[in-house]
Amino acid sequence: STASGLPITVGYSTSNGTALSGSDYGSTSGTLT
């Protein structure tokens, strides 16, 4: 929402809805900096 003077990290991961990982999309996770 606004630039920060500090580094920011956040984890992310996919989760199934009606689409299933492996057959409809590739599951992924990690950390954004």
All heavy atoms as atom14 arrays in JSON, in Angstrom:
{
  "sequence": "STASGLPITVGYSTSNGTALSGSDYGSTSGTLT",
  "atom14_mask": [
    [1, 1, 1, 1, 1, 1, 0, 0, 0, 0, 0, 0, 0, 0],
    [1, 1, 1, 1, 1, 1, 1, 0, 0, 0, 0, 0, 0, 0],
    [1, 1, 1, 1, 1, 0, 0, 0, 0, 0, 0, 0, 0, 0],
    [1, 1, 1, 1, 1, 1, 0, 0, 0, 0, 0, 0, 0, 0],
    [1, 1, 1, 1, 0, 0, 0, 0, 0, 0, 0, 0, 0, 0],
    [1, 1, 1, 1, 1, 1, 1, 1, 0, 0, 0, 0, 0, 0],
    [1, 1, 1, 1, 1, 1, 1, 0, 0, 0, 0, 0, 0, 0],
    [1, 1, 1, 1, 1, 1, 1, 1, 0, 0, 0, 0, 0, 0],
    [1, 1, 1, 1, 1, 1, 1, 0, 0, 0, 0, 0, 0, 0],
    [1, 1, 1, 1, 1, 1, 1, 0, 0, 0, 0, 0, 0, 0],
    [1, 1, 1, 1, 0, 0, 0, 0, 0, 0, 0, 0, 0, 0],
    [1, 1, 1, 1, 1, 1, 1, 1, 1, 1, 1, 1, 0, 0],
    [1, 1, 1, 1, 1, 1, 0, 0, 0, 0, 0, 0, 0, 0],
    [1, 1, 1, 1, 1, 1, 1, 0, 0, 0, 0, 0, 0, 0],
    [1, 1, 1, 1, 1, 1, 0, 0, 0, 0, 0, 0, 0, 0],
    [1, 1, 1, 1, 1, 1, 1, 1, 0, 0, 0, 0, 0, 0],
    [1, 1, 1, 1, 0, 0, 0, 0, 0, 0, 0, 0, 0, 0],
    [1, 1, 1, 1, 1, 1, 1, 0, 0, 0, 0, 0, 0, 0],
    [1, 1, 1, 1, 1, 0, 0, 0, 0, 0, 0, 0, 0, 0],
    [1, 1, 1, 1, 1, 1, 1, 1, 0, 0, 0, 0, 0, 0],
    [1, 1, 1, 1, 1, 1, 0, 0, 0, 0, 0, 0, 0, 0],
    [1, 1, 1, 1, 0, 0, 0, 0, 0, 0, 0, 0, 0, 0],
    [1, 1, 1, 1, 1, 1, 0, 0, 0, 0, 0, 0, 0, 0],
    [1, 1, 1, 1, 1, 1, 1, 1, 0, 0, 0, 0, 0, 0],
    [1, 1, 1, 1, 1, 1, 1, 1, 1, 1, 1, 1, 0, 0],
    [1, 1, 1, 1, 0, 0, 0, 0, 0, 0, 0, 0, 0, 0],
    [1, 1, 1, 1, 1, 1, 0, 0, 0, 0, 0, 0, 0, 0],
    [1, 1, 1, 1, 1, 1, 1, 0, 0, 0, 0, 0, 0, 0],
    [1, 1, 1, 1, 1, 1, 0, 0, 0, 0, 0, 0, 0, 0],
    [1, 1, 1, 1, 0, 0, 0, 0, 0, 0, 0, 0, 0, 0],
    [1, 1, 1, 1, 1, 1, 1, 0, 0, 0, 0, 0, 0, 0],
    [1, 1, 1, 1, 1, 1, 1, 1, 0, 0, 0, 0, 0, 0],
    [1, 1, 1, 1, 1, 1, 1, 0, 0, 0, 0, 0, 0, 0]
  ],
  "atom14_positions": [
    [[0.83, -1.21, 0.0], [0.0, 0.0, 0.0], [0.86, 1.25, 0.0], [0.44, 2.3, -0.49], [-0.92, 0.0, 1.22], [-0.14, -0.05, 2.41], [0.0, 0.0, 0.0], [0.0, 0.0, 0.0], [0.0, 0.0, 0.0], [0.0, 0.0, 0.0], [0.0, 0.0, 0.0], [0.0, 0.0, 0.0], [0.0, 0.0, 0.0], [0.0, 0.0, 0.0]],
    [[2.06, 1.15, 0.53], [2.97, 2.29, 0.58], [4.4, 1.76, 0.61], [4.65, 0.66, 1.1], [2.69, 3.16, 1.82], [3.52, 4.31, 1.78], [2.92, 2.41, 3.11], [0.0, 0.0, 0.0], [0.0, 0.0, 0.0], [0.0, 0.0, 0.0], [0.0, 0.0, 0.0], [0.0, 0.0, 0.0], [0.0, 0.0, 0.0], [0.0, 0.0, 0.0]],
    [[5.33, 2.51, 0.07], [6.74, 2.1, 0.12], [7.22, 2.14, 1.57], [6.77, 2.95, 2.37], [7.59, 3.03, -0.75], [0.0, 0.0, 0.0], [0.0, 0.0, 0.0], [0.0, 0.0, 0.0], [0.0, 0.0, 0.0], [0.0, 0.0, 0.0], [0.0, 0.0, 0.0], [0.0, 0.0, 0.0], [0.0, 0.0, 0.0], [0.0, 0.0, 0.0]],
    [[8.14, 1.25, 1.89], [8.68, 1.18, 3.24], [10.18, 1.42, 3.18], [10.85, 1.08, 2.21], [8.4, -0.21, 3.83], [9.04, -0.35, 5.07], [0.0, 0.0, 0.0], [0.0, 0.0, 0.0], [0.0, 0.0, 0.0], [0.0, 0.0, 0.0], [0.0, 0.0, 0.0], [0.0, 0.0, 0.0], [0.0, 0.0, 0.0], [0.0, 0.0, 0.0]],
    [[10.7, 1.99, 4.24], [12.14, 2.17, 4.35], [12.83, 0.89, 4.82], [14.06, 0.83, 4.86], [0.0, 0.0, 0.0], [0.0, 0.0, 0.0], [0.0, 0.0, 0.0], [0.0, 0.0, 0.0], [0.0, 0.0, 0.0], [0.0, 0.0, 0.0], [0.0, 0.0, 0.0], [0.0, 0.0, 0.0], [0.0, 0.0, 0.0], [0.0, 0.0, 0.0]],
    [[12.04, -0.12, 5.16], [12.57, -1.4, 5.63], [12.3, -2.48, 4.59], [11.31, -2.41, 3.87], [11.87, -1.8, 6.94], [12.0, -0.86, 8.12], [11.08, -1.29, 9.24], [13.45, -0.84, 8.59], [0.0, 0.0, 0.0], [0.0, 0.0, 0.0], [0.0, 0.0, 0.0], [0.0, 0.0, 0.0], [0.0, 0.0, 0.0], [0.0, 0.0, 0.0]],
    [[13.14, -3.51, 4.54], [12.81, -4.65, 3.68], [11.59, -5.36, 4.26], [11.41, -5.41, 5.47], [14.06, -5.52, 3.73], [14.79, -5.1, 4.96], [14.42, -3.67, 5.22], [0.0, 0.0, 0.0], [0.0, 0.0, 0.0], [0.0, 0.0, 0.0], [0.0, 0.0, 0.0], [0.0, 0.0, 0.0], [0.0, 0.0, 0.0], [0.0, 0.0, 0.0]],
    [[10.74, -5.87, 3.37], [9.53, -6.58, 3.77], [9.55, -7.96, 3.16], [9.9, -8.11, 1.97], [8.28, -5.79, 3.31], [8.17, -4.5, 4.11], [7.01, -6.64, 3.43], [7.08, -3.57, 3.65], [0.0, 0.0, 0.0], [0.0, 0.0, 0.0], [0.0, 0.0, 0.0], [0.0, 0.0, 0.0], [0.0, 0.0, 0.0], [0.0, 0.0, 0.0]],
    [[9.23, -8.97, 3.93], [9.1, -10.32, 3.4], [7.7, -10.85, 3.71], [7.08, -10.46, 4.7], [10.15, -11.29, 3.98], [9.97, -11.39, 5.39], [11.56, -10.84, 3.67], [0.0, 0.0, 0.0], [0.0, 0.0, 0.0], [0.0, 0.0, 0.0], [0.0, 0.0, 0.0], [0.0, 0.0, 0.0], [0.0, 0.0, 0.0], [0.0, 0.0, 0.0]],
    [[7.23, -11.75, 2.85], [5.95, -12.41, 3.07], [6.01, -13.78, 2.4], [6.55, -13.93, 1.31], [4.77, -11.57, 2.54], [4.81, -11.41, 1.03], [3.43, -12.15, 2.98], [0.0, 0.0, 0.0], [0.0, 0.0, 0.0], [0.0, 0.0, 0.0], [0.0, 0.0, 0.0], [0.0, 0.0, 0.0], [0.0, 0.0, 0.0], [0.0, 0.0, 0.0]],
    [[5.5, -14.77, 3.11], [5.41, -16.11, 2.54], [4.19, -16.22, 1.65], [3.2, -15.52, 1.83], [0.0, 0.0, 0.0], [0.0, 0.0, 0.0], [0.0, 0.0, 0.0], [0.0, 0.0, 0.0], [0.0, 0.0, 0.0], [0.0, 0.0, 0.0], [0.0, 0.0, 0.0], [0.0, 0.0, 0.0], [0.0, 0.0, 0.0], [0.0, 0.0, 0.0]],
    [[4.25, -17.12, 0.66], [3.08, -17.38, -0.19], [2.98, -18.87, -0.47], [3.99, -19.58, -0.46], [3.15, -16.59, -1.5], [4.28, -17.0, -2.42], [4.11, -18.0, -3.37], [5.53, -16.39, -2.34], [5.15, -18.39, -4.2], [6.57, -16.76, -3.17], [6.37, -17.76, -4.1], [7.39, -18.15, -4.92], [0.0, 0.0, 0.0], [0.0, 0.0, 0.0]],
    [[1.76, -19.34, -0.67], [1.54, -20.74, -1.04], [0.19, -20.87, -1.72], [-0.75, -20.13, -1.42], [1.59, -21.65, 0.19], [0.57, -21.3, 1.1], [0.0, 0.0, 0.0], [0.0, 0.0, 0.0], [0.0, 0.0, 0.0], [0.0, 0.0, 0.0], [0.0, 0.0, 0.0], [0.0, 0.0, 0.0], [0.0, 0.0, 0.0], [0.0, 0.0, 0.0]],
    [[0.11, -21.79, -2.68], [-1.15, -22.04, -3.37], [-1.98, -23.03, -2.57], [-1.45, -23.86, -1.83], [-0.89, -22.62, -4.78], [-0.01, -23.74, -4.67], [-0.27, -21.58, -5.7], [0.0, 0.0, 0.0], [0.0, 0.0, 0.0], [0.0, 0.0, 0.0], [0.0, 0.0, 0.0], [0.0, 0.0, 0.0], [0.0, 0.0, 0.0], [0.0, 0.0, 0.0]],
    [[-3.3, -22.93, -2.73], [-4.19, -23.94, -2.14], [-5.35, -24.19, -3.08], [-5.79, -23.29, -3.8], [-4.68, -23.5, -0.75], [-5.46, -22.34, -0.84], [0.0, 0.0, 0.0], [0.0, 0.0, 0.0], [0.0, 0.0, 0.0], [0.0, 0.0, 0.0], [0.0, 0.0, 0.0], [0.0, 0.0, 0.0], [0.0, 0.0, 0.0], [0.0, 0.0, 0.0]],
    [[-5.82, -25.43, -3.09], [-6.88, -25.84, -3.99], [-8.2, -25.14, -3.7], [-8.55, -24.91, -2.54], [-7.13, -27.35, -3.86], [-5.99, -28.19, -4.4], [-5.15, -27.7, -5.15], [-5.95, -29.44, -4.02], [0.0, 0.0, 0.0], [0.0, 0.0, 0.0], [0.0, 0.0, 0.0], [0.0, 0.0, 0.0], [0.0, 0.0, 0.0], [0.0, 0.0, 0.0]],
    [[-8.9, -24.8, -4.77], [-10.32, -24.46, -4.7], [-11.0, -25.6, -5.43], [-10.87, -26.76, -5.05], [0.0, 0.0, 0.0], [0.0, 0.0, 0.0], [0.0, 0.0, 0.0], [0.0, 0.0, 0.0], [0.0, 0.0, 0.0], [0.0, 0.0, 0.0], [0.0, 0.0, 0.0], [0.0, 0.0, 0.0], [0.0, 0.0, 0.0], [0.0, 0.0, 0.0]],
    [[-11.66, -25.29, -6.56], [-12.18, -26.36, -7.4], [-11.09, -26.88, -8.34], [-11.2, -27.97, -8.9], [-13.39, -25.87, -8.22], [-13.02, -24.69, -8.94], [-14.57, -25.56, -7.31], [0.0, 0.0, 0.0], [0.0, 0.0, 0.0], [0.0, 0.0, 0.0], [0.0, 0.0, 0.0], [0.0, 0.0, 0.0], [0.0, 0.0, 0.0], [0.0, 0.0, 0.0]],
    [[-10.02, -26.1, -8.53], [-8.85, -26.55, -9.29], [-7.94, -27.34, -8.35], [-7.78, -26.99, -7.18], [-8.1, -25.36, -9.88], [0.0, 0.0, 0.0], [0.0, 0.0, 0.0], [0.0, 0.0, 0.0], [0.0, 0.0, 0.0], [0.0, 0.0, 0.0], [0.0, 0.0, 0.0], [0.0, 0.0, 0.0], [0.0, 0.0, 0.0], [0.0, 0.0, 0.0]],
    [[-7.35, -28.42, -8.86], [-6.52, -29.28, -8.03], [-5.06, -29.18, -8.45], [-4.75, -29.26, -9.64], [-6.98, -30.74, -8.16], [-8.45, -31.01, -7.81], [-8.8, -32.47, -8.06], [-8.74, -30.62, -6.38], [0.0, 0.0, 0.0], [0.0, 0.0, 0.0], [0.0, 0.0, 0.0], [0.0, 0.0, 0.0], [0.0, 0.0, 0.0], [0.0, 0.0, 0.0]],
    [[-4.17, -29.02, -7.46], [-2.74, -28.97, -7.78], [-2.32, -30.3, -8.37], [-2.81, -31.36, -7.97], [-1.91, -28.62, -6.55], [-1.92, -29.67, -5.62], [0.0, 0.0, 0.0], [0.0, 0.0, 0.0], [0.0, 0.0, 0.0], [0.0, 0.0, 0.0], [0.0, 0.0, 0.0], [0.0, 0.0, 0.0], [0.0, 0.0, 0.0], [0.0, 0.0, 0.0]],
    [[-1.42, -30.24, -9.32], [-0.96, -31.46, -9.97], [-1.71, -31.75, -11.25], [-1.11, -32.08, -12.26], [0.0, 0.0, 0.0], [0.0, 0.0, 0.0], [0.0, 0.0, 0.0], [0.0, 0.0, 0.0], [0.0, 0.0, 0.0], [0.0, 0.0, 0.0], [0.0, 0.0, 0.0], [0.0, 0.0, 0.0], [0.0, 0.0, 0.0], [0.0, 0.0, 0.0]],
    [[-3.06, -31.6, -11.23], [-3.82, -31.86, -12.46], [-4.26, -30.57, -13.16], [-4.36, -30.54, -14.38], [-5.04, -32.75, -12.16], [-5.92, -32.12, -11.25], [0.0, 0.0, 0.0], [0.0, 0.0, 0.0], [0.0, 0.0, 0.0], [0.0, 0.0, 0.0], [0.0, 0.0, 0.0], [0.0, 0.0, 0.0], [0.0, 0.0, 0.0], [0.0, 0.0, 0.0]],
    [[-4.54, -29.51, -12.4], [-5.01, -28.25, -12.99], [-3.97, -27.13, -12.93], [-3.98, -26.23, -13.76], [-6.29, -27.78, -12.3], [-7.45, -28.74, -12.53], [-7.66, -29.14, -13.69], [-8.13, -29.09, -11.55], [0.0, 0.0, 0.0], [0.0, 0.0, 0.0], [0.0, 0.0, 0.0], [0.0, 0.0, 0.0], [0.0, 0.0, 0.0], [0.0, 0.0, 0.0]],
    [[-3.11, -27.16, -11.93], [-2.07, -26.13, -11.79], [-0.92, -26.71, -10.99], [-1.05, -27.73, -10.33], [-2.63, -24.86, -11.11], [-2.91, -25.02, -9.63], [-1.97, -24.64, -8.68], [-4.11, -25.58, -9.18], [-2.22, -24.8, -7.33], [-4.36, -25.74, -7.84], [-3.41, -25.35, -6.91], [-3.66, -25.52, -5.57], [0.0, 0.0, 0.0], [0.0, 0.0, 0.0]],
    [[0.23, -26.04, -11.07], [1.41, -26.48, -10.34], [1.47, -25.81, -8.98], [1.53, -24.59, -8.89], [0.0, 0.0, 0.0], [0.0, 0.0, 0.0], [0.0, 0.0, 0.0], [0.0, 0.0, 0.0], [0.0, 0.0, 0.0], [0.0, 0.0, 0.0], [0.0, 0.0, 0.0], [0.0, 0.0, 0.0], [0.0, 0.0, 0.0], [0.0, 0.0, 0.0]],
    [[1.44, -26.6, -7.93], [1.53, -26.06, -6.57], [2.85, -25.32, -6.41], [3.89, -25.76, -6.91], [1.45, -27.23, -5.57], [1.59, -26.77, -4.26], [0.0, 0.0, 0.0], [0.0, 0.0, 0.0], [0.0, 0.0, 0.0], [0.0, 0.0, 0.0], [0.0, 0.0, 0.0], [0.0, 0.0, 0.0], [0.0, 0.0, 0.0], [0.0, 0.0, 0.0]],
    [[2.81, -24.19, -5.73], [4.04, -23.44, -5.51], [3.98, -22.73, -4.16], [2.91, -22.45, -3.64], [4.29, -22.42, -6.65], [5.58, -21.84, -6.48], [3.25, -21.32, -6.68], [0.0, 0.0, 0.0], [0.0, 0.0, 0.0], [0.0, 0.0, 0.0], [0.0, 0.0, 0.0], [0.0, 0.0, 0.0], [0.0, 0.0, 0.0], [0.0, 0.0, 0.0]],
    [[5.15, -22.48, -3.61], [5.24, -21.72, -2.36], [6.64, -21.12, -2.28], [7.54, -21.52, -3.01], [4.98, -22.61, -1.15], [5.96, -23.63, -1.06], [0.0, 0.0, 0.0], [0.0, 0.0, 0.0], [0.0, 0.0, 0.0], [0.0, 0.0, 0.0], [0.0, 0.0, 0.0], [0.0, 0.0, 0.0], [0.0, 0.0, 0.0], [0.0, 0.0, 0.0]],
    [[6.78, -20.15, -1.39], [8.09, -19.51, -1.24], [7.96, -18.25, -0.42], [6.97, -18.05, 0.29], [0.0, 0.0, 0.0], [0.0, 0.0, 0.0], [0.0, 0.0, 0.0], [0.0, 0.0, 0.0], [0.0, 0.0, 0.0], [0.0, 0.0, 0.0], [0.0, 0.0, 0.0], [0.0, 0.0, 0.0], [0.0, 0.0, 0.0], [0.0, 0.0, 0.0]],
    [[8.96, -17.4, -0.54], [8.96, -16.12, 0.17], [9.29, -15.01, -0.82], [10.22, -15.13, -1.6], [10.03, -16.13, 1.29], [9.74, -17.19, 2.19], [10.04, -14.81, 2.05], [0.0, 0.0, 0.0], [0.0, 0.0, 0.0], [0.0, 0.0, 0.0], [0.0, 0.0, 0.0], [0.0, 0.0, 0.0], [0.0, 0.0, 0.0], [0.0, 0.0, 0.0]],
    [[8.48, -13.96, -0.79], [8.77, -12.76, -1.58], [9.48, -11.75, -0.69], [9.14, -11.61, 0.48], [7.47, -12.11, -2.07], [6.67, -12.82, -3.14], [5.4, -12.04, -3.44], [7.5, -12.99, -4.4], [0.0, 0.0, 0.0], [0.0, 0.0, 0.0], [0.0, 0.0, 0.0], [0.0, 0.0, 0.0], [0.0, 0.0, 0.0], [0.0, 0.0, 0.0]],
    [[10.46, -11.06, -1.26], [11.15, -10.01, -0.53], [11.01, -8.7, -1.3], [11.29, -8.63, -2.49], [12.65, -10.34, -0.38], [12.77, -11.58, 0.33], [13.38, -9.24, 0.37], [0.0, 0.0, 0.0], [0.0, 0.0, 0.0], [0.0, 0.0, 0.0], [0.0, 0.0, 0.0], [0.0, 0.0, 0.0], [0.0, 0.0, 0.0], [0.0, 0.0, 0.0]]
  ]
}
